[in-house]
Amino acid sequence: MRWINHPSRNADAAYKPVQLVTAARCGLLVADTLVTTVRTSVGDFVDGGETITKAFGAASIIEEGGRKTTFTARVGGEDMADLRGLAVAPHQFQRWIPKAYEARVIVVGEHIFAAGIHARTPETYLDYRNGYSNLSYRRLEPPDIVASGVLRYCGELGLVYGAFDFVIRPDGEWVFLECNAGGQYGWIESAIAAPITDTIADQLAQGGTP
């Protein structure tokens, strides 16, 4: 049996702190990040600038007959007043990065496909997953430092496929957010007419990952 990524490599690459450290080591710019269970550490971090929090993984629950999940959220005064769950498990906090737009970068072997994601509502500006109908897309060529960084990242973590998310700041700087080793690409492929599926098929036909 062959995979585009070996399942063990997918599992290793899913851990967000490993992603952030690897990205920085590979020359990608990473947002200031705090992982902690300590209330005072959160207070000090939030005092340093606008802050968001996000889950370590794709957490979801079934409630009221439907599936619910968590997206990126700003950390406000009400959150700081009630941090009861903080001591139970590590939480991830990041400095908010002002954005011109976002990008999803798909790596398949040595091939790179990139799409700019432009939000049209405040909700999708915070996290584009809040409303796909309120987004527009355009095909991009990432800067050389980003292209070389994502290829090096995949090499270090043993990935043939990776779906990277970046924020592009108003000054044009690309900031790494995360890499999903099994991330979706279908809606991006359609929006920018990129041959991602064909490239994955070619990769598997050449042997994939044993």
N, C-alpha and C. Protein backbone atom coordinates (compact mmCIF):
# COMPACT_ATOMS: atom_id res chain seq x y z
N MET A 1 0.84 -1.19 0.00
CA MET A 1 0.00 0.00 0.00
C MET A 1 0.88 1.25 0.00
N ARG A 2 0.44 2.27 -0.73
CA ARG A 2 1.20 3.52 -0.78
C ARG A 2 0.29 4.70 -0.43
N TRP A 3 0.93 5.70 0.16
CA TRP A 3 0.23 6.93 0.55
C TRP A 3 0.95 8.12 -0.05
N ILE A 4 0.26 9.24 -0.13
CA ILE A 4 0.94 10.48 -0.51
C ILE A 4 1.84 10.91 0.65
N ASN A 5 1.35 10.76 1.92
CA ASN A 5 2.17 10.88 3.13
C ASN A 5 1.99 9.60 3.94
N HIS A 6 3.05 9.08 4.51
CA HIS A 6 2.91 7.95 5.41
C HIS A 6 2.10 8.39 6.64
N PRO A 7 1.14 7.58 7.11
CA PRO A 7 0.33 7.98 8.26
C PRO A 7 1.14 8.39 9.48
N SER A 8 2.26 7.76 9.71
CA SER A 8 3.09 8.14 10.86
C SER A 8 3.66 9.55 10.71
N ARG A 9 4.01 9.92 9.48
CA ARG A 9 4.51 11.27 9.26
C ARG A 9 3.38 12.29 9.44
N ASN A 10 2.18 11.94 8.99
CA ASN A 10 1.03 12.83 9.22
C ASN A 10 0.82 13.07 10.70
N ALA A 11 0.90 11.99 11.49
CA ALA A 11 0.68 12.11 12.93
C ALA A 11 1.75 12.98 13.57
N ASP A 12 3.01 12.75 13.21
CA ASP A 12 4.10 13.55 13.78
C ASP A 12 3.96 15.03 13.43
N ALA A 13 3.52 15.29 12.19
CA ALA A 13 3.46 16.67 11.70
C ALA A 13 2.23 17.42 12.18
N ALA A 14 1.31 16.74 12.87
CA ALA A 14 0.08 17.40 13.31
C ALA A 14 0.27 18.27 14.54
N TYR A 15 1.34 18.07 15.29
CA TYR A 15 1.53 18.77 16.56
C TYR A 15 1.94 20.21 16.30
N LYS A 16 1.09 21.17 16.68
CA LYS A 16 1.29 22.57 16.31
C LYS A 16 2.61 23.15 16.81
N PRO A 17 3.05 22.90 18.05
CA PRO A 17 4.35 23.46 18.44
C PRO A 17 5.50 22.97 17.56
N VAL A 18 5.45 21.69 17.14
CA VAL A 18 6.47 21.18 16.22
C VAL A 18 6.41 21.94 14.89
N GLN A 19 5.20 22.22 14.41
CA GLN A 19 5.05 22.96 13.17
C GLN A 19 5.71 24.33 13.26
N LEU A 20 5.44 25.05 14.34
CA LEU A 20 5.95 26.41 14.48
C LEU A 20 7.47 26.42 14.56
N VAL A 21 8.05 25.50 15.35
CA VAL A 21 9.50 25.43 15.48
C VAL A 21 10.15 25.04 14.16
N THR A 22 9.53 24.08 13.46
CA THR A 22 10.08 23.64 12.17
C THR A 22 10.01 24.76 11.15
N ALA A 23 8.89 25.48 11.12
CA ALA A 23 8.75 26.58 10.16
C ALA A 23 9.81 27.65 10.38
N ALA A 24 10.04 28.00 11.64
CA ALA A 24 11.05 29.01 11.94
C ALA A 24 12.44 28.52 11.53
N ARG A 25 12.71 27.26 11.79
CA ARG A 25 14.02 26.69 11.42
C ARG A 25 14.22 26.67 9.91
N CYS A 26 13.11 26.59 9.17
CA CYS A 26 13.17 26.53 7.70
C CYS A 26 13.12 27.91 7.06
N GLY A 27 13.24 28.96 7.86
CA GLY A 27 13.33 30.31 7.32
C GLY A 27 12.01 31.02 7.13
N LEU A 28 10.90 30.44 7.62
CA LEU A 28 9.60 31.09 7.51
C LEU A 28 9.34 31.97 8.72
N LEU A 29 8.68 33.08 8.50
CA LEU A 29 8.34 33.99 9.59
C LEU A 29 7.15 33.43 10.35
N VAL A 30 7.24 33.39 11.67
CA VAL A 30 6.22 32.78 12.53
C VAL A 30 5.70 33.81 13.52
N ALA A 31 4.40 33.81 13.78
CA ALA A 31 3.81 34.73 14.75
C ALA A 31 4.31 34.41 16.15
N ASP A 32 4.49 35.44 16.99
CA ASP A 32 4.83 35.21 18.39
C ASP A 32 3.74 34.35 19.02
N THR A 33 4.15 33.29 19.70
CA THR A 33 3.20 32.29 20.19
C THR A 33 3.52 31.94 21.64
N LEU A 34 2.45 31.74 22.41
CA LEU A 34 2.57 31.29 23.79
C LEU A 34 1.74 30.02 23.95
N VAL A 35 2.36 28.98 24.51
CA VAL A 35 1.65 27.75 24.88
C VAL A 35 1.82 27.59 26.39
N THR A 36 0.72 27.60 27.12
CA THR A 36 0.84 27.64 28.58
C THR A 36 -0.42 27.13 29.27
N THR A 37 -0.24 26.83 30.55
CA THR A 37 -1.37 26.57 31.45
C THR A 37 -1.38 27.58 32.60
N VAL A 38 -0.56 28.63 32.48
CA VAL A 38 -0.35 29.57 33.59
C VAL A 38 -1.10 30.88 33.32
N ARG A 39 -1.99 31.24 34.21
CA ARG A 39 -2.82 32.43 34.03
C ARG A 39 -1.98 33.71 33.91
N THR A 40 -0.98 33.87 34.75
CA THR A 40 -0.19 35.10 34.71
C THR A 40 0.58 35.23 33.41
N SER A 41 0.99 34.10 32.84
CA SER A 41 1.70 34.15 31.56
C SER A 41 0.78 34.65 30.45
N VAL A 42 -0.48 34.22 30.49
CA VAL A 42 -1.45 34.70 29.51
C VAL A 42 -1.65 36.20 29.67
N GLY A 43 -1.79 36.66 30.91
CA GLY A 43 -1.98 38.08 31.15
C GLY A 43 -0.83 38.91 30.62
N ASP A 44 0.40 38.45 30.86
CA ASP A 44 1.58 39.18 30.37
C ASP A 44 1.60 39.20 28.84
N PHE A 45 1.24 38.08 28.22
CA PHE A 45 1.26 38.01 26.76
C PHE A 45 0.21 38.92 26.15
N VAL A 46 -1.00 38.89 26.72
CA VAL A 46 -2.09 39.73 26.21
C VAL A 46 -1.76 41.21 26.39
N ASP A 47 -1.09 41.55 27.46
CA ASP A 47 -0.70 42.95 27.68
C ASP A 47 0.28 43.43 26.63
N GLY A 48 0.96 42.49 25.95
CA GLY A 48 1.95 42.87 24.95
C GLY A 48 1.38 43.20 23.59
N GLY A 49 0.09 43.01 23.38
CA GLY A 49 -0.51 43.34 22.10
C GLY A 49 -1.74 42.51 21.81
N GLU A 50 -2.41 42.85 20.73
CA GLU A 50 -3.65 42.16 20.37
C GLU A 50 -3.37 40.67 20.18
N THR A 51 -4.24 39.84 20.76
CA THR A 51 -3.99 38.40 20.85
C THR A 51 -5.19 37.60 20.37
N ILE A 52 -4.88 36.46 19.76
CA ILE A 52 -5.93 35.50 19.39
C ILE A 52 -5.60 34.16 20.04
N THR A 53 -6.60 33.29 20.11
CA THR A 53 -6.38 31.93 20.57
C THR A 53 -6.96 30.97 19.54
N LYS A 54 -6.36 29.81 19.45
CA LYS A 54 -6.82 28.80 18.49
C LYS A 54 -6.54 27.42 19.05
N ALA A 55 -7.30 26.46 18.58
CA ALA A 55 -7.15 25.09 19.04
C ALA A 55 -5.87 24.48 18.48
N PHE A 56 -5.33 23.48 19.19
CA PHE A 56 -4.16 22.75 18.71
C PHE A 56 -4.51 21.86 17.53
N GLY A 57 -5.75 21.43 17.45
CA GLY A 57 -6.17 20.54 16.37
C GLY A 57 -7.60 20.83 15.96
N ALA A 58 -8.14 19.96 15.13
CA ALA A 58 -9.51 20.14 14.64
C ALA A 58 -10.49 19.60 15.67
N ALA A 59 -10.60 20.28 16.78
CA ALA A 59 -11.49 19.83 17.86
C ALA A 59 -12.95 20.01 17.45
N SER A 60 -13.78 19.00 17.77
CA SER A 60 -15.20 19.11 17.45
C SER A 60 -16.00 18.26 18.42
N ILE A 61 -17.26 18.64 18.61
CA ILE A 61 -18.18 17.87 19.45
C ILE A 61 -19.52 17.77 18.72
N ILE A 62 -20.27 16.75 19.08
CA ILE A 62 -21.63 16.62 18.57
C ILE A 62 -22.57 17.11 19.66
N GLU A 63 -23.34 18.13 19.34
CA GLU A 63 -24.22 18.75 20.33
C GLU A 63 -25.45 19.30 19.62
N GLU A 64 -26.60 19.12 20.26
CA GLU A 64 -27.87 19.63 19.71
C GLU A 64 -28.09 19.14 18.28
N GLY A 65 -27.72 17.90 18.05
CA GLY A 65 -27.97 17.28 16.75
C GLY A 65 -27.04 17.69 15.64
N GLY A 66 -25.96 18.40 15.97
CA GLY A 66 -25.03 18.82 14.92
C GLY A 66 -23.60 18.84 15.41
N ARG A 67 -22.70 18.99 14.45
CA ARG A 67 -21.27 19.04 14.76
C ARG A 67 -20.86 20.48 14.99
N LYS A 68 -20.15 20.73 16.09
CA LYS A 68 -19.65 22.06 16.41
C LYS A 68 -18.14 22.01 16.54
N THR A 69 -17.49 23.07 16.13
CA THR A 69 -16.05 23.16 16.23
C THR A 69 -15.65 24.57 16.65
N THR A 70 -14.36 24.79 16.84
CA THR A 70 -13.87 26.09 17.26
C THR A 70 -12.97 26.67 16.18
N PHE A 71 -13.10 27.98 15.96
CA PHE A 71 -12.24 28.68 15.03
C PHE A 71 -11.39 29.69 15.81
N THR A 72 -10.55 30.41 15.09
CA THR A 72 -9.74 31.45 15.71
C THR A 72 -10.63 32.48 16.39
N ALA A 73 -10.22 32.91 17.59
CA ALA A 73 -11.02 33.88 18.34
C ALA A 73 -10.09 34.91 18.97
N ARG A 74 -10.53 36.15 19.01
CA ARG A 74 -9.78 37.19 19.70
C ARG A 74 -9.90 36.98 21.21
N VAL A 75 -8.86 37.34 21.94
CA VAL A 75 -8.87 37.25 23.39
C VAL A 75 -9.22 38.62 23.95
N GLY A 76 -10.38 38.71 24.61
CA GLY A 76 -10.85 39.99 25.15
C GLY A 76 -10.93 39.97 26.66
N GLY A 77 -11.49 41.04 27.19
CA GLY A 77 -11.60 41.19 28.64
C GLY A 77 -12.40 40.10 29.29
N GLU A 78 -13.50 39.67 28.65
CA GLU A 78 -14.32 38.60 29.22
C GLU A 78 -13.54 37.29 29.30
N ASP A 79 -12.71 37.05 28.30
CA ASP A 79 -11.90 35.83 28.32
C ASP A 79 -10.90 35.85 29.47
N MET A 80 -10.27 36.99 29.67
CA MET A 80 -9.28 37.10 30.73
C MET A 80 -9.91 36.98 32.11
N ALA A 81 -11.18 37.33 32.21
CA ALA A 81 -11.88 37.24 33.49
C ALA A 81 -12.29 35.81 33.83
N ASP A 82 -12.27 34.93 32.84
CA ASP A 82 -12.70 33.55 33.07
C ASP A 82 -11.77 32.60 32.33
N LEU A 83 -10.70 32.18 33.00
CA LEU A 83 -9.73 31.25 32.42
C LEU A 83 -9.75 29.92 33.16
N ARG A 84 -10.95 29.49 33.53
CA ARG A 84 -11.07 28.30 34.36
C ARG A 84 -10.49 27.05 33.71
N GLY A 85 -10.59 26.93 32.41
CA GLY A 85 -10.10 25.72 31.76
C GLY A 85 -8.62 25.72 31.46
N LEU A 86 -7.96 26.84 31.72
CA LEU A 86 -6.57 26.98 31.32
C LEU A 86 -5.65 25.97 32.00
N ALA A 87 -5.88 25.71 33.27
CA ALA A 87 -4.99 24.84 34.02
C ALA A 87 -5.16 23.36 33.68
N VAL A 88 -6.22 23.03 32.96
CA VAL A 88 -6.50 21.62 32.66
C VAL A 88 -5.56 21.08 31.58
N ALA A 89 -5.26 21.91 30.58
CA ALA A 89 -4.41 21.48 29.47
C ALA A 89 -3.78 22.70 28.83
N PRO A 90 -2.65 22.55 28.15
CA PRO A 90 -2.01 23.70 27.50
C PRO A 90 -2.94 24.35 26.47
N HIS A 91 -2.91 25.66 26.42
CA HIS A 91 -3.66 26.44 25.44
C HIS A 91 -2.67 27.23 24.58
N GLN A 92 -3.08 27.52 23.35
CA GLN A 92 -2.23 28.24 22.41
C GLN A 92 -2.76 29.66 22.20
N PHE A 93 -1.88 30.63 22.38
CA PHE A 93 -2.19 32.04 22.15
C PHE A 93 -1.16 32.59 21.16
N GLN A 94 -1.63 33.45 20.25
CA GLN A 94 -0.72 34.04 19.27
C GLN A 94 -0.99 35.54 19.15
N ARG A 95 0.08 36.24 18.78
CA ARG A 95 -0.07 37.66 18.48
C ARG A 95 -0.88 37.79 17.19
N TRP A 96 -1.88 38.64 17.22
CA TRP A 96 -2.69 38.90 16.02
C TRP A 96 -1.83 39.56 14.96
N ILE A 97 -1.90 39.05 13.73
CA ILE A 97 -1.14 39.60 12.62
C ILE A 97 -2.09 40.36 11.70
N PRO A 98 -1.96 41.69 11.60
CA PRO A 98 -2.79 42.43 10.64
C PRO A 98 -2.58 41.85 9.25
N LYS A 99 -3.67 41.70 8.51
CA LYS A 99 -3.56 41.01 7.23
C LYS A 99 -4.14 41.81 6.08
N ALA A 100 -3.44 41.74 4.95
CA ALA A 100 -4.02 42.22 3.70
C ALA A 100 -4.93 41.14 3.15
N TYR A 101 -4.47 39.90 3.26
CA TYR A 101 -5.25 38.73 2.86
C TYR A 101 -4.53 37.50 3.39
N GLU A 102 -5.05 36.32 3.12
CA GLU A 102 -4.41 35.08 3.53
C GLU A 102 -4.05 34.27 2.29
N ALA A 103 -3.30 33.21 2.50
CA ALA A 103 -2.94 32.34 1.38
C ALA A 103 -2.93 30.90 1.84
N ARG A 104 -3.38 30.02 0.98
CA ARG A 104 -3.18 28.58 1.17
C ARG A 104 -2.19 28.13 0.12
N VAL A 105 -1.14 27.46 0.58
CA VAL A 105 -0.07 26.99 -0.28
C VAL A 105 -0.06 25.47 -0.23
N ILE A 106 -0.26 24.84 -1.37
CA ILE A 106 -0.30 23.38 -1.47
C ILE A 106 1.03 22.89 -2.05
N VAL A 107 1.68 22.00 -1.32
CA VAL A 107 2.92 21.38 -1.79
C VAL A 107 2.64 19.92 -2.15
N VAL A 108 3.03 19.52 -3.34
CA VAL A 108 2.96 18.12 -3.77
C VAL A 108 4.32 17.78 -4.35
N GLY A 109 5.12 17.04 -3.58
CA GLY A 109 6.48 16.76 -4.03
C GLY A 109 7.26 18.06 -4.15
N GLU A 110 7.74 18.35 -5.35
CA GLU A 110 8.47 19.60 -5.60
C GLU A 110 7.58 20.68 -6.22
N HIS A 111 6.29 20.39 -6.34
CA HIS A 111 5.35 21.33 -6.97
C HIS A 111 4.65 22.18 -5.91
N ILE A 112 4.47 23.44 -6.21
CA ILE A 112 3.84 24.38 -5.28
C ILE A 112 2.69 25.09 -5.99
N PHE A 113 1.53 25.11 -5.35
CA PHE A 113 0.36 25.84 -5.84
C PHE A 113 -0.10 26.76 -4.72
N ALA A 114 -0.33 28.02 -5.05
CA ALA A 114 -0.69 28.99 -4.02
C ALA A 114 -1.89 29.82 -4.45
N ALA A 115 -2.79 30.06 -3.49
CA ALA A 115 -3.98 30.87 -3.75
C ALA A 115 -4.11 31.94 -2.68
N GLY A 116 -4.30 33.19 -3.10
CA GLY A 116 -4.66 34.24 -2.17
C GLY A 116 -6.12 34.11 -1.80
N ILE A 117 -6.43 34.29 -0.51
CA ILE A 117 -7.80 34.18 -0.01
C ILE A 117 -8.19 35.55 0.54
N HIS A 118 -9.20 36.15 -0.08
CA HIS A 118 -9.59 37.51 0.27
C HIS A 118 -10.96 37.50 0.95
N ALA A 119 -11.01 38.01 2.17
CA ALA A 119 -12.23 38.00 2.97
C ALA A 119 -13.08 39.23 2.65
N ARG A 120 -14.40 39.03 2.70
CA ARG A 120 -15.32 40.14 2.41
C ARG A 120 -16.19 40.51 3.62
N THR A 121 -15.98 39.85 4.75
CA THR A 121 -16.75 40.17 5.97
C THR A 121 -15.80 40.19 7.16
N PRO A 122 -16.18 40.87 8.25
CA PRO A 122 -15.33 40.85 9.45
C PRO A 122 -15.09 39.45 9.98
N GLU A 123 -16.09 38.58 9.86
CA GLU A 123 -15.95 37.23 10.38
C GLU A 123 -14.91 36.43 9.60
N THR A 124 -14.95 36.54 8.27
CA THR A 124 -13.98 35.80 7.47
C THR A 124 -12.60 36.47 7.49
N TYR A 125 -12.56 37.76 7.79
CA TYR A 125 -11.27 38.43 7.98
C TYR A 125 -10.55 37.85 9.19
N LEU A 126 -11.29 37.52 10.23
CA LEU A 126 -10.71 36.91 11.43
C LEU A 126 -10.29 35.47 11.15
N ASP A 127 -11.16 34.70 10.49
CA ASP A 127 -10.88 33.30 10.18
C ASP A 127 -11.72 32.95 8.96
N TYR A 128 -11.07 32.68 7.83
CA TYR A 128 -11.82 32.52 6.58
C TYR A 128 -12.78 31.35 6.60
N ARG A 129 -12.60 30.42 7.53
CA ARG A 129 -13.50 29.27 7.63
C ARG A 129 -14.89 29.67 8.12
N ASN A 130 -15.05 30.90 8.57
CA ASN A 130 -16.35 31.36 9.06
C ASN A 130 -17.38 31.56 7.95
N GLY A 131 -16.98 31.51 6.69
CA GLY A 131 -17.96 31.70 5.63
C GLY A 131 -17.34 31.65 4.25
N TYR A 132 -17.29 30.47 3.65
CA TYR A 132 -16.62 30.32 2.36
C TYR A 132 -17.30 31.09 1.24
N SER A 133 -18.60 31.35 1.38
CA SER A 133 -19.29 32.11 0.34
C SER A 133 -18.89 33.58 0.35
N ASN A 134 -18.21 34.02 1.38
CA ASN A 134 -17.77 35.41 1.49
C ASN A 134 -16.28 35.57 1.24
N LEU A 135 -15.75 34.73 0.37
CA LEU A 135 -14.33 34.77 0.02
C LEU A 135 -14.16 34.89 -1.49
N SER A 136 -13.04 35.45 -1.88
CA SER A 136 -12.63 35.41 -3.28
C SER A 136 -11.17 34.95 -3.32
N TYR A 137 -10.74 34.47 -4.50
CA TYR A 137 -9.44 33.83 -4.60
C TYR A 137 -8.70 34.33 -5.85
N ARG A 138 -7.38 34.25 -5.79
CA ARG A 138 -6.58 34.45 -7.00
C ARG A 138 -5.29 33.64 -6.87
N ARG A 139 -4.83 33.16 -7.99
CA ARG A 139 -3.61 32.34 -7.98
C ARG A 139 -2.40 33.23 -7.71
N LEU A 140 -1.44 32.71 -6.94
CA LEU A 140 -0.26 33.46 -6.53
C LEU A 140 1.01 32.71 -6.87
N GLU A 141 2.10 33.45 -6.93
CA GLU A 141 3.43 32.88 -6.92
C GLU A 141 4.08 33.33 -5.62
N PRO A 142 4.29 32.41 -4.67
CA PRO A 142 4.86 32.83 -3.39
C PRO A 142 6.30 33.32 -3.56
N PRO A 143 6.73 34.21 -2.67
CA PRO A 143 8.13 34.67 -2.72
C PRO A 143 9.09 33.49 -2.61
N ASP A 144 10.29 33.68 -3.12
CA ASP A 144 11.28 32.60 -3.13
C ASP A 144 11.55 32.06 -1.73
N ILE A 145 11.62 32.95 -0.73
CA ILE A 145 11.93 32.50 0.62
C ILE A 145 10.80 31.63 1.18
N VAL A 146 9.56 31.90 0.76
CA VAL A 146 8.43 31.08 1.19
C VAL A 146 8.45 29.74 0.45
N ALA A 147 8.67 29.80 -0.86
CA ALA A 147 8.71 28.56 -1.65
C ALA A 147 9.79 27.61 -1.15
N SER A 148 10.98 28.15 -0.93
CA SER A 148 12.07 27.29 -0.44
C SER A 148 11.79 26.82 0.98
N GLY A 149 11.15 27.68 1.78
CA GLY A 149 10.85 27.31 3.17
C GLY A 149 9.85 26.18 3.28
N VAL A 150 8.78 26.21 2.47
CA VAL A 150 7.78 25.14 2.57
C VAL A 150 8.35 23.82 2.05
N LEU A 151 9.20 23.87 1.03
CA LEU A 151 9.81 22.63 0.54
C LEU A 151 10.76 22.05 1.58
N ARG A 152 11.52 22.91 2.23
CA ARG A 152 12.42 22.44 3.29
C ARG A 152 11.63 21.87 4.46
N TYR A 153 10.54 22.55 4.80
CA TYR A 153 9.66 22.10 5.88
C TYR A 153 9.17 20.67 5.60
N CYS A 154 8.66 20.45 4.41
CA CYS A 154 8.16 19.12 4.06
C CYS A 154 9.28 18.09 4.11
N GLY A 155 10.47 18.48 3.67
CA GLY A 155 11.59 17.57 3.73
C GLY A 155 11.96 17.20 5.15
N GLU A 156 11.96 18.17 6.05
CA GLU A 156 12.34 17.90 7.43
C GLU A 156 11.33 16.99 8.13
N LEU A 157 10.04 17.12 7.79
CA LEU A 157 9.02 16.33 8.46
C LEU A 157 8.60 15.10 7.65
N GLY A 158 9.29 14.85 6.54
CA GLY A 158 9.01 13.65 5.76
C GLY A 158 7.67 13.68 5.05
N LEU A 159 7.24 14.86 4.61
CA LEU A 159 5.95 15.01 3.96
C LEU A 159 6.12 15.16 2.45
N VAL A 160 5.28 14.47 1.69
CA VAL A 160 5.20 14.68 0.25
C VAL A 160 4.13 15.73 -0.05
N TYR A 161 3.09 15.76 0.78
CA TYR A 161 1.97 16.69 0.60
C TYR A 161 1.82 17.55 1.86
N GLY A 162 1.54 18.82 1.66
CA GLY A 162 1.24 19.70 2.79
C GLY A 162 0.38 20.86 2.34
N ALA A 163 -0.59 21.24 3.18
CA ALA A 163 -1.44 22.40 2.91
C ALA A 163 -1.10 23.47 3.95
N PHE A 164 -0.41 24.50 3.52
CA PHE A 164 0.10 25.55 4.40
C PHE A 164 -0.85 26.75 4.40
N ASP A 165 -0.99 27.36 5.57
CA ASP A 165 -1.76 28.61 5.68
C ASP A 165 -0.83 29.73 6.11
N PHE A 166 -0.96 30.86 5.41
CA PHE A 166 -0.16 32.06 5.69
C PHE A 166 -1.08 33.27 5.80
N VAL A 167 -0.64 34.25 6.60
CA VAL A 167 -1.19 35.60 6.56
C VAL A 167 -0.21 36.46 5.79
N ILE A 168 -0.72 37.27 4.88
CA ILE A 168 0.11 38.25 4.18
C ILE A 168 -0.19 39.61 4.78
N ARG A 169 0.80 40.20 5.41
CA ARG A 169 0.63 41.48 6.07
C ARG A 169 0.48 42.60 5.04
N PRO A 170 -0.03 43.77 5.47
CA PRO A 170 -0.14 44.89 4.53
C PRO A 170 1.18 45.28 3.88
N ASP A 171 2.31 45.01 4.57
CA ASP A 171 3.62 45.33 3.98
C ASP A 171 4.12 44.24 3.03
N GLY A 172 3.29 43.19 2.82
CA GLY A 172 3.66 42.13 1.89
C GLY A 172 4.40 40.96 2.50
N GLU A 173 4.74 41.03 3.79
CA GLU A 173 5.46 39.93 4.45
C GLU A 173 4.52 38.75 4.67
N TRP A 174 5.01 37.53 4.40
CA TRP A 174 4.23 36.31 4.60
C TRP A 174 4.55 35.73 5.97
N VAL A 175 3.51 35.44 6.77
CA VAL A 175 3.67 34.90 8.11
C VAL A 175 3.01 33.52 8.17
N PHE A 176 3.79 32.52 8.53
CA PHE A 176 3.30 31.14 8.63
C PHE A 176 2.32 31.01 9.78
N LEU A 177 1.20 30.31 9.51
CA LEU A 177 0.25 29.98 10.56
C LEU A 177 0.32 28.51 10.94
N GLU A 178 0.19 27.62 9.96
CA GLU A 178 0.21 26.19 10.24
C GLU A 178 0.32 25.42 8.94
N CYS A 179 0.55 24.12 9.06
CA CYS A 179 0.55 23.22 7.91
C CYS A 179 -0.26 21.99 8.26
N ASN A 180 -1.28 21.71 7.47
CA ASN A 180 -2.09 20.51 7.63
C ASN A 180 -1.61 19.48 6.62
N ALA A 181 -1.04 18.38 7.14
CA ALA A 181 -0.48 17.37 6.24
C ALA A 181 -1.55 16.59 5.49
N GLY A 182 -2.81 16.76 5.88
CA GLY A 182 -3.92 16.15 5.15
C GLY A 182 -4.96 17.19 4.78
N GLY A 183 -4.53 18.43 4.59
CA GLY A 183 -5.46 19.55 4.40
C GLY A 183 -6.20 19.50 3.08
N GLN A 184 -7.41 20.06 3.10
CA GLN A 184 -8.26 20.08 1.91
C GLN A 184 -7.68 21.02 0.85
N TYR A 185 -7.95 20.68 -0.40
CA TYR A 185 -7.49 21.52 -1.50
C TYR A 185 -8.52 21.65 -2.61
N GLY A 186 -9.59 20.85 -2.57
CA GLY A 186 -10.52 20.79 -3.70
C GLY A 186 -11.12 22.13 -4.06
N TRP A 187 -11.54 22.89 -3.05
CA TRP A 187 -12.18 24.17 -3.36
C TRP A 187 -11.18 25.18 -3.91
N ILE A 188 -9.93 25.06 -3.48
CA ILE A 188 -8.88 25.93 -4.00
C ILE A 188 -8.53 25.55 -5.44
N GLU A 189 -8.43 24.25 -5.69
CA GLU A 189 -8.11 23.77 -7.04
C GLU A 189 -9.12 24.31 -8.04
N SER A 190 -10.40 24.24 -7.69
CA SER A 190 -11.45 24.73 -8.58
C SER A 190 -11.37 26.24 -8.76
N ALA A 191 -11.11 26.96 -7.66
CA ALA A 191 -11.14 28.43 -7.72
C ALA A 191 -10.01 29.01 -8.56
N ILE A 192 -8.85 28.35 -8.55
CA ILE A 192 -7.70 28.92 -9.26
C ILE A 192 -7.27 28.06 -10.45
N ALA A 193 -8.07 27.04 -10.77
CA ALA A 193 -7.79 26.17 -11.92
C ALA A 193 -6.37 25.62 -11.89
N ALA A 194 -6.00 25.05 -10.74
CA ALA A 194 -4.67 24.47 -10.56
C ALA A 194 -4.76 22.95 -10.64
N PRO A 195 -3.84 22.29 -11.31
CA PRO A 195 -3.92 20.82 -11.50
C PRO A 195 -3.40 20.04 -10.29
N ILE A 196 -3.97 20.29 -9.12
CA ILE A 196 -3.45 19.65 -7.90
C ILE A 196 -3.74 18.16 -7.90
N THR A 197 -4.98 17.78 -8.23
CA THR A 197 -5.34 16.37 -8.24
C THR A 197 -4.47 15.59 -9.22
N ASP A 198 -4.26 16.13 -10.41
CA ASP A 198 -3.42 15.44 -11.39
C ASP A 198 -1.99 15.29 -10.88
N THR A 199 -1.50 16.30 -10.18
CA THR A 199 -0.14 16.25 -9.66
C THR A 199 -0.02 15.20 -8.56
N ILE A 200 -1.05 15.09 -7.71
CA ILE A 200 -1.06 14.05 -6.68
C ILE A 200 -1.11 12.67 -7.34
N ALA A 201 -1.94 12.53 -8.36
CA ALA A 201 -2.03 11.25 -9.06
C ALA A 201 -0.69 10.87 -9.69
N ASP A 202 -0.01 11.85 -10.29
CA ASP A 202 1.31 11.58 -10.87
C ASP A 202 2.29 11.15 -9.79
N GLN A 203 2.21 11.81 -8.63
CA GLN A 203 3.12 11.48 -7.54
C GLN A 203 2.90 10.05 -7.06
N LEU A 204 1.64 9.67 -6.93
CA LEU A 204 1.31 8.29 -6.52
C LEU A 204 1.73 7.29 -7.58
N ALA A 205 1.55 7.64 -8.84
CA ALA A 205 1.94 6.73 -9.92
C ALA A 205 3.45 6.51 -9.95
N GLN A 206 4.20 7.51 -9.48
CA GLN A 206 5.66 7.39 -9.42
C GLN A 206 6.13 6.64 -8.18
N GLY A 207 5.20 6.30 -7.30
CA GLY A 207 5.57 5.51 -6.14
C GLY A 207 5.03 6.02 -4.82
N GLY A 208 4.72 7.33 -4.76
CA GLY A 208 4.19 7.87 -3.52
C GLY A 208 5.13 7.63 -2.36
N THR A 209 4.55 7.37 -1.17
CA THR A 209 5.34 7.06 0.02
C THR A 209 5.05 5.63 0.43
N PRO A 210 6.04 4.77 0.46
CA PRO A 210 5.78 3.38 0.82
C PRO A 210 5.51 3.22 2.31
